[in-house]
PDB file of all heavy atoms in Angstrom:
ATOM      1  N   ARG A   1      10.449  -4.924   0.671  1.00  0.00           N
ATOM      2  CA  ARG A   1       9.345  -5.299  -0.213  1.00  0.00           C
ATOM      3  C   ARG A   1       8.498  -4.084  -0.581  1.00  0.00           C
ATOM      4  O   ARG A   1       8.177  -3.248   0.262  1.00  0.00           O
ATOM      5  CB  ARG A   1       8.437  -6.321   0.493  1.00  0.00           C
ATOM      6  CG  ARG A   1       8.696  -7.783   0.196  1.00  0.00           C
ATOM      7  CD  ARG A   1       8.498  -8.187  -1.235  1.00  0.00           C
ATOM      8  NE  ARG A   1       7.304  -7.626  -1.843  1.00  0.00           N
ATOM      9  CZ  ARG A   1       6.067  -8.082  -1.676  1.00  0.00           C
ATOM     10  NH1 ARG A   1       5.843  -9.144  -0.933  1.00  0.00           N
ATOM     11  NH2 ARG A   1       5.063  -7.497  -2.284  1.00  0.00           N
ATOM     12  N   VAL A   2       8.121  -4.007  -1.864  1.00  0.00           N
ATOM     13  CA  VAL A   2       7.160  -3.010  -2.344  1.00  0.00           C
ATOM     14  C   VAL A   2       5.844  -3.751  -2.573  1.00  0.00           C
ATOM     15  O   VAL A   2       5.784  -4.679  -3.381  1.00  0.00           O
ATOM     16  CB  VAL A   2       7.646  -2.354  -3.651  1.00  0.00           C
ATOM     17  CG1 VAL A   2       6.593  -1.403  -4.194  1.00  0.00           C
ATOM     18  CG2 VAL A   2       8.962  -1.620  -3.416  1.00  0.00           C
ATOM     19  N   PHE A   3       4.793  -3.354  -1.892  1.00  0.00           N
ATOM     20  CA  PHE A   3       3.531  -4.075  -1.995  1.00  0.00           C
ATOM     21  C   PHE A   3       2.838  -3.793  -3.325  1.00  0.00           C
ATOM     22  O   PHE A   3       2.767  -2.639  -3.766  1.00  0.00           O
ATOM     23  CB  PHE A   3       2.604  -3.703  -0.835  1.00  0.00           C
ATOM     24  CG  PHE A   3       3.167  -4.034   0.521  1.00  0.00           C
ATOM     25  CD1 PHE A   3       2.780  -3.314   1.646  1.00  0.00           C
ATOM     26  CD2 PHE A   3       4.083  -5.062   0.685  1.00  0.00           C
ATOM     27  CE1 PHE A   3       3.300  -3.614   2.893  1.00  0.00           C
ATOM     28  CE2 PHE A   3       4.617  -5.366   1.938  1.00  0.00           C
ATOM     29  CZ  PHE A   3       4.221  -4.634   3.040  1.00  0.00           C
ATOM     30  N   ALA A   4       2.335  -4.842  -3.937  1.00  0.00           N
ATOM     31  CA  ALA A   4       1.626  -4.732  -5.220  1.00  0.00           C
ATOM     32  C   ALA A   4       0.217  -4.180  -4.989  1.00  0.00           C
ATOM     33  O   ALA A   4      -0.317  -4.238  -3.881  1.00  0.00           O
ATOM     34  CB  ALA A   4       1.545  -6.105  -5.885  1.00  0.00           C
ATOM     35  N   ARG A   5      -0.360  -3.656  -6.051  1.00  0.00           N
ATOM     36  CA  ARG A   5      -1.708  -3.082  -5.930  1.00  0.00           C
ATOM     37  C   ARG A   5      -2.708  -4.113  -5.408  1.00  0.00           C
ATOM     38  O   ARG A   5      -3.550  -3.786  -4.561  1.00  0.00           O
ATOM     39  CB  ARG A   5      -2.177  -2.522  -7.276  1.00  0.00           C
ATOM     40  CG  ARG A   5      -3.563  -1.858  -7.198  1.00  0.00           C
ATOM     41  CD  ARG A   5      -3.926  -1.148  -8.480  1.00  0.00           C
ATOM     42  NE  ARG A   5      -3.150   0.078  -8.658  1.00  0.00           N
ATOM     43  CZ  ARG A   5      -3.451   1.249  -8.097  1.00  0.00           C
ATOM     44  NH1 ARG A   5      -4.503   1.358  -7.289  1.00  0.00           N
ATOM     45  NH2 ARG A   5      -2.695   2.302  -8.331  1.00  0.00           N
ATOM     46  N   ALA A   6      -2.633  -5.345  -5.886  1.00  0.00           N
ATOM     47  CA  ALA A   6      -3.579  -6.371  -5.428  1.00  0.00           C
ATOM     48  C   ALA A   6      -3.446  -6.609  -3.925  1.00  0.00           C
ATOM     49  O   ALA A   6      -4.461  -6.802  -3.238  1.00  0.00           O
ATOM     50  CB  ALA A   6      -3.362  -7.669  -6.191  1.00  0.00           C
ATOM     51  N   GLU A   7      -2.221  -6.597  -3.421  1.00  0.00           N
ATOM     52  CA  GLU A   7      -2.013  -6.762  -1.973  1.00  0.00           C
ATOM     53  C   GLU A   7      -2.594  -5.588  -1.199  1.00  0.00           C
ATOM     54  O   GLU A   7      -3.271  -5.766  -0.169  1.00  0.00           O
ATOM     55  CB  GLU A   7      -0.515  -6.889  -1.682  1.00  0.00           C
ATOM     56  CG  GLU A   7       0.131  -8.143  -2.227  1.00  0.00           C
ATOM     57  CD  GLU A   7       1.634  -8.161  -2.066  1.00  0.00           C
ATOM     58  OE1 GLU A   7       2.283  -7.127  -2.351  1.00  0.00           O
ATOM     59  OE2 GLU A   7       2.176  -9.209  -1.671  1.00  0.00           O
ATOM     60  N   LEU A   8      -2.356  -4.399  -1.700  1.00  0.00           N
ATOM     61  CA  LEU A   8      -2.873  -3.207  -1.031  1.00  0.00           C
ATOM     62  C   LEU A   8      -4.394  -3.169  -1.063  1.00  0.00           C
ATOM     63  O   LEU A   8      -5.039  -2.817  -0.068  1.00  0.00           O
ATOM     64  CB  LEU A   8      -2.297  -1.953  -1.699  1.00  0.00           C
ATOM     65  CG  LEU A   8      -0.787  -1.749  -1.530  1.00  0.00           C
ATOM     66  CD1 LEU A   8      -0.291  -0.673  -2.488  1.00  0.00           C
ATOM     67  CD2 LEU A   8      -0.453  -1.369  -0.099  1.00  0.00           C
ATOM     68  N   GLU A   9      -4.961  -3.538  -2.190  1.00  0.00           N
ATOM     69  CA  GLU A   9      -6.420  -3.544  -2.294  1.00  0.00           C
ATOM     70  C   GLU A   9      -7.033  -4.524  -1.302  1.00  0.00           C
ATOM     71  O   GLU A   9      -8.050  -4.221  -0.647  1.00  0.00           O
ATOM     72  CB  GLU A   9      -6.848  -3.896  -3.709  1.00  0.00           C
ATOM     73  CG  GLU A   9      -6.592  -2.775  -4.717  1.00  0.00           C
ATOM     74  CD  GLU A   9      -6.878  -3.201  -6.144  1.00  0.00           C
ATOM     75  OE1 GLU A   9      -7.025  -4.432  -6.384  1.00  0.00           O
ATOM     76  OE2 GLU A   9      -6.930  -2.311  -7.023  1.00  0.00           O
ATOM     77  N   ARG A  10      -6.427  -5.711  -1.166  1.00  0.00           N
ATOM     78  CA  ARG A  10      -6.983  -6.705  -0.244  1.00  0.00           C
ATOM     79  C   ARG A  10      -6.851  -6.247   1.203  1.00  0.00           C
ATOM     80  O   ARG A  10      -7.804  -6.392   1.999  1.00  0.00           O
ATOM     81  CB  ARG A  10      -6.277  -8.049  -0.453  1.00  0.00           C
ATOM     82  CG  ARG A  10      -6.882  -9.182   0.386  1.00  0.00           C
ATOM     83  CD  ARG A  10      -8.319  -9.425   0.013  1.00  0.00           C
ATOM     84  NE  ARG A  10      -8.966 -10.343   0.950  1.00  0.00           N
ATOM     85  CZ  ARG A  10     -10.181 -10.151   1.443  1.00  0.00           C
ATOM     86  NH1 ARG A  10     -10.889  -9.076   1.113  1.00  0.00           N
ATOM     87  NH2 ARG A  10     -10.695 -11.030   2.260  1.00  0.00           N
ATOM     88  N   MET A  11      -5.704  -5.690   1.572  1.00  0.00           N
ATOM     89  CA  MET A  11      -5.528  -5.249   2.960  1.00  0.00           C
ATOM     90  C   MET A  11      -6.460  -4.094   3.302  1.00  0.00           C
ATOM     91  O   MET A  11      -7.055  -4.063   4.388  1.00  0.00           O
ATOM     92  CB  MET A  11      -4.065  -4.864   3.211  1.00  0.00           C
ATOM     93  CG  MET A  11      -3.139  -6.066   3.256  1.00  0.00           C
ATOM     94  SD  MET A  11      -1.458  -5.686   3.819  1.00  0.00           S
ATOM     95  CE  MET A  11      -0.835  -4.738   2.442  1.00  0.00           C
ATOM     96  N   THR A  12      -6.608  -3.148   2.384  1.00  0.00           N
ATOM     97  CA  THR A  12      -7.504  -2.033   2.674  1.00  0.00           C
ATOM     98  C   THR A  12      -8.955  -2.473   2.700  1.00  0.00           C
ATOM     99  O   THR A  12      -9.753  -1.951   3.488  1.00  0.00           O
ATOM    100  CB  THR A  12      -7.310  -0.890   1.647  1.00  0.00           C
ATOM    101  OG1 THR A  12      -7.482  -1.398   0.326  1.00  0.00           O
ATOM    102  CG2 THR A  12      -5.937  -0.280   1.769  1.00  0.00           C
ATOM    103  N   GLU A  13      -9.312  -3.442   1.873  1.00  0.00           N
ATOM    104  CA  GLU A  13     -10.670  -3.988   1.897  1.00  0.00           C
ATOM    105  C   GLU A  13     -10.969  -4.620   3.257  1.00  0.00           C
ATOM    106  O   GLU A  13     -12.028  -4.376   3.858  1.00  0.00           O
ATOM    107  CB  GLU A  13     -10.821  -5.038   0.784  1.00  0.00           C
ATOM    108  CG  GLU A  13     -12.219  -5.598   0.641  1.00  0.00           C
ATOM    109  CD  GLU A  13     -13.148  -4.701  -0.146  1.00  0.00           C
ATOM    110  OE1 GLU A  13     -12.655  -3.893  -0.946  1.00  0.00           O
ATOM    111  OE2 GLU A  13     -14.367  -4.798   0.082  1.00  0.00           O
ATOM    112  N   ILE A  14     -10.035  -5.420   3.751  1.00  0.00           N
ATOM    113  CA  ILE A  14     -10.216  -6.074   5.059  1.00  0.00           C
ATOM    114  C   ILE A  14     -10.330  -5.016   6.158  1.00  0.00           C
ATOM    115  O   ILE A  14     -11.189  -5.109   7.041  1.00  0.00           O
ATOM    116  CB  ILE A  14      -9.041  -7.029   5.343  1.00  0.00           C
ATOM    117  CG1 ILE A  14      -9.083  -8.211   4.368  1.00  0.00           C
ATOM    118  CG2 ILE A  14      -9.070  -7.518   6.775  1.00  0.00           C
ATOM    119  CD1 ILE A  14      -7.810  -9.042   4.368  1.00  0.00           C
ATOM    120  N   CYS A  15      -9.462  -4.016   6.107  1.00  0.00           N
ATOM    121  CA  CYS A  15      -9.488  -2.972   7.141  1.00  0.00           C
ATOM    122  C   CYS A  15     -10.788  -2.177   7.073  1.00  0.00           C
ATOM    123  O   CYS A  15     -11.387  -1.856   8.115  1.00  0.00           O
ATOM    124  CB  CYS A  15      -8.280  -2.060   6.972  1.00  0.00           C
ATOM    125  SG  CYS A  15      -6.716  -2.848   7.442  1.00  0.00           S
ATOM    126  N   HIS A  16     -11.237  -1.850   5.874  1.00  0.00           N
ATOM    127  CA  HIS A  16     -12.471  -1.071   5.728  1.00  0.00           C
ATOM    128  C   HIS A  16     -13.665  -1.859   6.280  1.00  0.00           C
ATOM    129  O   HIS A  16     -14.515  -1.314   6.999  1.00  0.00           O
ATOM    130  CB  HIS A  16     -12.695  -0.711   4.263  1.00  0.00           C
ATOM    131  CG  HIS A  16     -13.761   0.293   4.035  1.00  0.00           C
ATOM    132  ND1 HIS A  16     -15.097  -0.045   3.896  1.00  0.00           N
ATOM    133  CD2 HIS A  16     -13.713   1.661   3.939  1.00  0.00           C
ATOM    134  CE1 HIS A  16     -15.821   1.038   3.716  1.00  0.00           C
ATOM    135  NE2 HIS A  16     -15.008   2.092   3.724  1.00  0.00           N
ATOM    136  N   GLU A  17     -13.735  -3.149   5.959  1.00  0.00           N
ATOM    137  CA  GLU A  17     -14.837  -3.980   6.430  1.00  0.00           C
ATOM    138  C   GLU A  17     -14.883  -4.073   7.950  1.00  0.00           C
ATOM    139  O   GLU A  17     -15.954  -4.234   8.548  1.00  0.00           O
ATOM    140  CB  GLU A  17     -14.705  -5.389   5.849  1.00  0.00           C
ATOM    141  CG  GLU A  17     -15.009  -5.506   4.368  1.00  0.00           C
ATOM    142  CD  GLU A  17     -14.770  -6.910   3.865  1.00  0.00           C
ATOM    143  OE1 GLU A  17     -14.384  -7.793   4.676  1.00  0.00           O
ATOM    144  OE2 GLU A  17     -14.953  -7.130   2.651  1.00  0.00           O
ATOM    145  N   ASN A  18     -13.718  -3.984   8.587  1.00  0.00           N
ATOM    146  CA  ASN A  18     -13.617  -4.205  10.019  1.00  0.00           C
ATOM    147  C   ASN A  18     -13.307  -2.939  10.809  1.00  0.00           C
ATOM    148  O   ASN A  18     -12.929  -3.003  11.977  1.00  0.00           O
ATOM    149  CB  ASN A  18     -12.553  -5.280  10.293  1.00  0.00           C
ATOM    150  CG  ASN A  18     -12.964  -6.641   9.789  1.00  0.00           C
ATOM    151  OD1 ASN A  18     -13.663  -7.372  10.471  1.00  0.00           O
ATOM    152  ND2 ASN A  18     -12.525  -6.985   8.575  1.00  0.00           N
ATOM    153  N   HIS A  19     -13.494  -1.777  10.166  1.00  0.00           N
ATOM    154  CA  HIS A  19     -13.365  -0.483  10.841  1.00  0.00           C
ATOM    155  C   HIS A  19     -11.965  -0.289  11.456  1.00  0.00           C
ATOM    156  O   HIS A  19     -11.820   0.162  12.591  1.00  0.00           O
ATOM    157  CB  HIS A  19     -14.448  -0.328  11.916  1.00  0.00           C
ATOM    158  CG  HIS A  19     -15.817  -0.654  11.429  1.00  0.00           C
ATOM    159  ND1 HIS A  19     -16.507   0.165  10.548  1.00  0.00           N
ATOM    160  CD2 HIS A  19     -16.631  -1.716  11.663  1.00  0.00           C
ATOM    161  CE1 HIS A  19     -17.686  -0.382  10.276  1.00  0.00           C
ATOM    162  NE2 HIS A  19     -17.788  -1.520  10.922  1.00  0.00           N
ATOM    163  N   VAL A  20     -10.965  -0.641  10.674  1.00  0.00           N
ATOM    164  CA  VAL A  20      -9.571  -0.500  11.099  1.00  0.00           C
ATOM    165  C   VAL A  20      -8.960   0.682  10.355  1.00  0.00           C
ATOM    166  O   VAL A  20      -9.002   0.734   9.117  1.00  0.00           O
ATOM    167  CB  VAL A  20      -8.759  -1.775  10.800  1.00  0.00           C
ATOM    168  CG1 VAL A  20      -7.304  -1.604  11.198  1.00  0.00           C
ATOM    169  CG2 VAL A  20      -9.384  -2.972  11.508  1.00  0.00           C
ATOM    170  N   VAL A  21      -8.401   1.640  11.070  1.00  0.00           N
ATOM    171  CA  VAL A  21      -7.695   2.768  10.474  1.00  0.00           C
ATOM    172  C   VAL A  21      -6.327   2.302   9.964  1.00  0.00           C
ATOM    173  O   VAL A  21      -5.653   1.503  10.628  1.00  0.00           O
ATOM    174  CB  VAL A  21      -7.519   3.909  11.504  1.00  0.00           C
ATOM    175  CG1 VAL A  21      -6.551   4.982  10.986  1.00  0.00           C
ATOM    176  CG2 VAL A  21      -8.876   4.528  11.841  1.00  0.00           C
ATOM    177  N   ILE A  22      -5.925   2.781   8.805  1.00  0.00           N
ATOM    178  CA  ILE A  22      -4.596   2.491   8.286  1.00  0.00           C
ATOM    179  C   ILE A  22      -3.706   3.721   8.448  1.00  0.00           C
ATOM    180  O   ILE A  22      -4.062   4.812   8.010  1.00  0.00           O
ATOM    181  CB  ILE A  22      -4.642   2.105   6.788  1.00  0.00           C
ATOM    182  CG1 ILE A  22      -5.457   0.826   6.595  1.00  0.00           C
ATOM    183  CG2 ILE A  22      -3.222   1.913   6.238  1.00  0.00           C
ATOM    184  CD1 ILE A  22      -5.653   0.458   5.131  1.00  0.00           C
ATOM    185  N   ILE A  23      -2.573   3.535   9.086  1.00  0.00           N
ATOM    186  CA  ILE A  23      -1.512   4.540   9.079  1.00  0.00           C
ATOM    187  C   ILE A  23      -0.432   3.985   8.165  1.00  0.00           C
ATOM    188  O   ILE A  23       0.149   2.934   8.451  1.00  0.00           O
ATOM    189  CB  ILE A  23      -0.953   4.807  10.478  1.00  0.00           C
ATOM    190  CG1 ILE A  23      -2.055   5.273  11.429  1.00  0.00           C
ATOM    191  CG2 ILE A  23       0.178   5.844  10.410  1.00  0.00           C
ATOM    192  CD1 ILE A  23      -1.592   5.370  12.884  1.00  0.00           C
ATOM    193  N   SER A  24      -0.169   4.647   7.055  1.00  0.00           N
ATOM    194  CA  SER A  24       0.752   4.140   6.055  1.00  0.00           C
ATOM    195  C   SER A  24       2.063   4.920   6.084  1.00  0.00           C
ATOM    196  O   SER A  24       2.124   6.097   5.722  1.00  0.00           O
ATOM    197  CB  SER A  24       0.117   4.240   4.661  1.00  0.00           C
ATOM    198  OG  SER A  24       0.958   3.661   3.687  1.00  0.00           O
ATOM    199  N   ASP A  25       3.121   4.257   6.525  1.00  0.00           N
ATOM    200  CA  ASP A  25       4.467   4.820   6.575  1.00  0.00           C
ATOM    201  C   ASP A  25       5.129   4.547   5.223  1.00  0.00           C
ATOM    202  O   ASP A  25       5.452   3.405   4.904  1.00  0.00           O
ATOM    203  CB  ASP A  25       5.231   4.156   7.720  1.00  0.00           C
ATOM    204  CG  ASP A  25       6.691   4.565   7.795  1.00  0.00           C
ATOM    205  OD1 ASP A  25       7.192   5.230   6.872  1.00  0.00           O
ATOM    206  OD2 ASP A  25       7.361   4.217   8.796  1.00  0.00           O
ATOM    207  N   GLU A  26       5.355   5.611   4.433  1.00  0.00           N
ATOM    208  CA  GLU A  26       5.863   5.454   3.069  1.00  0.00           C
ATOM    209  C   GLU A  26       7.214   6.146   2.866  1.00  0.00           C
ATOM    210  O   GLU A  26       7.529   6.632   1.780  1.00  0.00           O
ATOM    211  CB  GLU A  26       4.805   5.972   2.085  1.00  0.00           C
ATOM    212  CG  GLU A  26       3.461   5.263   2.283  1.00  0.00           C
ATOM    213  CD  GLU A  26       2.373   5.667   1.293  1.00  0.00           C
ATOM    214  OE1 GLU A  26       2.640   6.469   0.385  1.00  0.00           O
ATOM    215  OE2 GLU A  26       1.245   5.145   1.436  1.00  0.00           O
ATOM    216  N   VAL A  27       8.042   6.157   3.917  1.00  0.00           N
ATOM    217  CA  VAL A  27       9.268   6.940   3.867  1.00  0.00           C
ATOM    218  C   VAL A  27      10.341   6.346   2.948  1.00  0.00           C
ATOM    219  O   VAL A  27      11.259   7.044   2.528  1.00  0.00           O
ATOM    220  CB  VAL A  27       9.853   7.169   5.282  1.00  0.00           C
ATOM    221  CG1 VAL A  27       8.857   7.900   6.157  1.00  0.00           C
ATOM    222  CG2 VAL A  27      10.266   5.859   5.934  1.00  0.00           C
ATOM    223  N   HIS A  28      10.242   5.046   2.635  1.00  0.00           N
ATOM    224  CA  HIS A  28      11.258   4.426   1.770  1.00  0.00           C
ATOM    225  C   HIS A  28      10.776   4.329   0.313  1.00  0.00           C
ATOM    226  O   HIS A  28      11.308   3.529  -0.462  1.00  0.00           O
ATOM    227  CB  HIS A  28      11.606   3.032   2.294  1.00  0.00           C
ATOM    228  CG  HIS A  28      12.427   3.051   3.542  1.00  0.00           C
ATOM    229  ND1 HIS A  28      13.792   3.251   3.551  1.00  0.00           N
ATOM    230  CD2 HIS A  28      12.076   2.898   4.852  1.00  0.00           C
ATOM    231  CE1 HIS A  28      14.248   3.220   4.787  1.00  0.00           C
ATOM    232  NE2 HIS A  28      13.220   3.010   5.590  1.00  0.00           N
ATOM    233  N   SER A  29       9.815   5.136  -0.059  1.00  0.00           N
ATOM    234  CA  SER A  29       9.161   4.961  -1.359  1.00  0.00           C
ATOM    235  C   SER A  29       9.864   5.638  -2.538  1.00  0.00           C
ATOM    236  O   SER A  29       9.543   5.354  -3.688  1.00  0.00           O
ATOM    237  CB  SER A  29       7.734   5.508  -1.276  1.00  0.00           C
ATOM    238  OG  SER A  29       7.738   6.905  -0.954  1.00  0.00           O
ATOM    239  N   LEU A  30      10.819   6.511  -2.288  1.00  0.00           N
ATOM    240  CA  LEU A  30      11.381   7.307  -3.381  1.00  0.00           C
ATOM    241  C   LEU A  30      12.361   6.537  -4.253  1.00  0.00           C
ATOM    242  O   LEU A  30      12.515   6.836  -5.439  1.00  0.00           O
ATOM    243  CB  LEU A  30      12.063   8.553  -2.828  1.00  0.00           C
ATOM    244  CG  LEU A  30      11.117   9.596  -2.214  1.00  0.00           C
ATOM    245  CD1 LEU A  30      11.902  10.745  -1.632  1.00  0.00           C
ATOM    246  CD2 LEU A  30      10.151  10.108  -3.257  1.00  0.00           C
ATOM    247  N   ILE A  31      13.058   5.563  -3.672  1.00  0.00           N
ATOM    248  CA  ILE A  31      14.057   4.810  -4.419  1.00  0.00           C
ATOM    249  C   ILE A  31      13.525   3.400  -4.626  1.00  0.00           C
ATOM    250  O   ILE A  31      13.413   2.620  -3.681  1.00  0.00           O
ATOM    251  CB  ILE A  31      15.397   4.788  -3.661  1.00  0.00           C
ATOM    252  CG1 ILE A  31      15.986   6.205  -3.601  1.00  0.00           C
ATOM    253  CG2 ILE A  31      16.374   3.825  -4.335  1.00  0.00           C
ATOM    254  CD1 ILE A  31      17.179   6.343  -2.698  1.00  0.00           C
ATOM    255  N   THR A  32      13.155   3.091  -5.866  1.00  0.00           N
ATOM    256  CA  THR A  32      12.658   1.751  -6.199  1.00  0.00           C
ATOM    257  C   THR A  32      13.451   1.223  -7.385  1.00  0.00           C
ATOM    258  O   THR A  32      13.964   1.981  -8.206  1.00  0.00           O
ATOM    259  CB  THR A  32      11.162   1.780  -6.546  1.00  0.00           C
ATOM    260  OG1 THR A  32      10.942   2.652  -7.653  1.00  0.00           O
ATOM    261  CG2 THR A  32      10.327   2.239  -5.359  1.00  0.00           C
ATOM    262  N   PHE A  33      13.530  -0.113  -7.466  1.00  0.00           N
ATOM    263  CA  PHE A  33      14.380  -0.746  -8.466  1.00  0.00           C
ATOM    264  C   PHE A  33      13.562  -1.604  -9.431  1.00  0.00           C
ATOM    265  O   PHE A  33      12.537  -2.186  -9.057  1.00  0.00           O
ATOM    266  CB  PHE A  33      15.432  -1.618  -7.780  1.00  0.00           C
ATOM    267  CG  PHE A  33      16.267  -0.898  -6.777  1.00  0.00           C
ATOM    268  CD1 PHE A  33      16.238  -1.262  -5.427  1.00  0.00           C
ATOM    269  CD2 PHE A  33      17.091   0.145  -7.147  1.00  0.00           C
ATOM    270  CE1 PHE A  33      17.012  -0.608  -4.489  1.00  0.00           C
ATOM    271  CE2 PHE A  33      17.879   0.817  -6.218  1.00  0.00           C
ATOM    272  CZ  PHE A  33      17.838   0.439  -4.874  1.00  0.00           C
ATOM    273  N   GLY A  34      14.072  -1.691 -10.656  1.00  0.00           N
ATOM    274  CA  GLY A  34      13.469  -2.560 -11.636  1.00  0.00           C
ATOM    275  C   GLY A  34      12.028  -2.192 -11.924  1.00  0.00           C
ATOM    276  O   GLY A  34      11.680  -1.029 -12.079  1.00  0.00           O
ATOM    277  N   GLY A  35      11.186  -3.205 -11.967  1.00  0.00           N
ATOM    278  CA  GLY A  35       9.775  -2.966 -12.253  1.00  0.00           C
ATOM    279  C   GLY A  35       8.947  -2.645 -11.044  1.00  0.00           C
ATOM    280  O   GLY A  35       7.722  -2.498 -11.159  1.00  0.00           O
ATOM    281  N   SER A  36       9.570  -2.530  -9.884  1.00  0.00           N
ATOM    282  CA  SER A  36       8.817  -2.230  -8.671  1.00  0.00           C
ATOM    283  C   SER A  36       8.319  -0.798  -8.717  1.00  0.00           C
ATOM    284  O   SER A  36       9.073   0.134  -9.034  1.00  0.00           O
ATOM    285  CB  SER A  36       9.688  -2.436  -7.434  1.00  0.00           C
ATOM    286  OG  SER A  36      10.128  -3.779  -7.342  1.00  0.00           O
ATOM    287  N   ARG A  37       7.065  -0.609  -8.369  1.00  0.00           N
ATOM    288  CA  ARG A  37       6.463   0.726  -8.374  1.00  0.00           C
ATOM    289  C   ARG A  37       5.685   0.929  -7.093  1.00  0.00           C
ATOM    290  O   ARG A  37       4.775   0.159  -6.778  1.00  0.00           O
ATOM    291  CB  ARG A  37       5.543   0.897  -9.586  1.00  0.00           C
ATOM    292  CG  ARG A  37       4.797   2.220  -9.607  1.00  0.00           C
ATOM    293  CD  ARG A  37       3.985   2.391 -10.886  1.00  0.00           C
ATOM    294  NE  ARG A  37       3.058   3.514 -10.802  1.00  0.00           N
ATOM    295  CZ  ARG A  37       3.402   4.793 -10.930  1.00  0.00           C
ATOM    296  NH1 ARG A  37       4.669   5.097 -11.177  1.00  0.00           N
ATOM    297  NH2 ARG A  37       2.506   5.754 -10.844  1.00  0.00           N
ATOM    298  N   HIS A  38       6.040   1.957  -6.375  1.00  0.00           N
ATOM    299  CA  HIS A  38       5.325   2.271  -5.150  1.00  0.00           C
ATOM    300  C   HIS A  38       3.956   2.854  -5.458  1.00  0.00           C
ATOM    301  O   HIS A  38       3.799   3.676  -6.366  1.00  0.00           O
ATOM    302  CB  HIS A  38       6.129   3.279  -4.320  1.00  0.00           C
ATOM    303  CG  HIS A  38       5.370   3.783  -3.135  1.00  0.00           C
ATOM    304  ND1 HIS A  38       5.099   2.987  -2.039  1.00  0.00           N
ATOM    305  CD2 HIS A  38       4.808   4.999  -2.878  1.00  0.00           C
ATOM    306  CE1 HIS A  38       4.403   3.691  -1.159  1.00  0.00           C
ATOM    307  NE2 HIS A  38       4.211   4.903  -1.635  1.00  0.00           N
ATOM    308  N   ILE A  39       2.954   2.420  -4.690  1.00  0.00           N
ATOM    309  CA  ILE A  39       1.595   2.942  -4.820  1.00  0.00           C
ATOM    310  C   ILE A  39       1.198   3.576  -3.486  1.00  0.00           C
ATOM    311  O   ILE A  39       1.084   2.877  -2.474  1.00  0.00           O
ATOM    312  CB  ILE A  39       0.606   1.816  -5.171  1.00  0.00           C
ATOM    313  CG1 ILE A  39       1.002   1.157  -6.499  1.00  0.00           C
ATOM    314  CG2 ILE A  39      -0.821   2.347  -5.247  1.00  0.00           C
ATOM    315  CD1 ILE A  39       0.254  -0.112  -6.803  1.00  0.00           C
ATOM    316  N   PRO A  40       1.008   4.891  -3.431  1.00  0.00           N
ATOM    317  CA  PRO A  40       0.579   5.525  -2.190  1.00  0.00           C
ATOM    318  C   PRO A  40      -0.780   4.967  -1.750  1.00  0.00           C
ATOM    319  O   PRO A  40      -1.632   4.650  -2.582  1.00  0.00           O
ATOM    320  CB  PRO A  40       0.475   7.012  -2.562  1.00  0.00           C
ATOM    321  CG  PRO A  40       1.282   7.162  -3.808  1.00  0.00           C
ATOM    322  CD  PRO A  40       1.174   5.862  -4.530  1.00  0.00           C
ATOM    323  N   VAL A  41      -0.991   4.886  -0.452  1.00  0.00           N
ATOM    324  CA  VAL A  41      -2.236   4.299   0.046  1.00  0.00           C
ATOM    325  C   VAL A  41      -3.449   5.096  -0.437  1.00  0.00           C
ATOM    326  O   VAL A  41      -4.515   4.516  -0.706  1.00  0.00           O
ATOM    327  CB  VAL A  41      -2.212   4.169   1.580  1.00  0.00           C
ATOM    328  CG1 VAL A  41      -2.306   5.538   2.259  1.00  0.00           C
ATOM    329  CG2 VAL A  41      -3.335   3.244   2.056  1.00  0.00           C
ATOM    330  N   LEU A  42      -3.311   6.406  -0.591  1.00  0.00           N
ATOM    331  CA  LEU A  42      -4.453   7.209  -1.025  1.00  0.00           C
ATOM    332  C   LEU A  42      -4.767   7.024  -2.509  1.00  0.00           C
ATOM    333  O   LEU A  42      -5.771   7.557  -2.994  1.00  0.00           O
ATOM    334  CB  LEU A  42      -4.206   8.689  -0.719  1.00  0.00           C
ATOM    335  CG  LEU A  42      -4.111   9.049   0.780  1.00  0.00           C
ATOM    336  CD1 LEU A  42      -3.930  10.545   0.956  1.00  0.00           C
ATOM    337  CD2 LEU A  42      -5.332   8.559   1.553  1.00  0.00           C
ATOM    338  N   ASP A  43      -3.922   6.276  -3.214  1.00  0.00           N
ATOM    339  CA  ASP A  43      -4.167   5.989  -4.612  1.00  0.00           C
ATOM    340  C   ASP A  43      -4.769   4.593  -4.809  1.00  0.00           C
ATOM    341  O   ASP A  43      -5.054   4.194  -5.932  1.00  0.00           O
ATOM    342  CB  ASP A  43      -2.863   6.095  -5.408  1.00  0.00           C
ATOM    343  CG  ASP A  43      -3.075   6.074  -6.920  1.00  0.00           C
ATOM    344  OD1 ASP A  43      -3.988   6.781  -7.395  1.00  0.00           O
ATOM    345  OD2 ASP A  43      -2.340   5.349  -7.603  1.00  0.00           O
ATOM    346  N   VAL A  44      -4.968   3.867  -3.723  1.00  0.00           N
ATOM    347  CA  VAL A  44      -5.429   2.479  -3.841  1.00  0.00           C
ATOM    348  C   VAL A  44      -6.900   2.410  -4.203  1.00  0.00           C
ATOM    349  O   VAL A  44      -7.304   1.698  -5.132  1.00  0.00           O
ATOM    350  CB  VAL A  44      -5.147   1.702  -2.535  1.00  0.00           C
ATOM    351  CG1 VAL A  44      -5.767   0.311  -2.580  1.00  0.00           C
ATOM    352  CG2 VAL A  44      -3.638   1.602  -2.300  1.00  0.00           C
TER     353      VAL A  44
END
């Protein structure tokens, strides 16, 4: 699964509100298919 921007925004919002650090493993991001587009966490 490639997470959509809305999903990433909601998860980071929840983590920010609750002082949770995010470690984002993005090693499978280079090969995507169709309309799927990877969004790096630092771009959220």
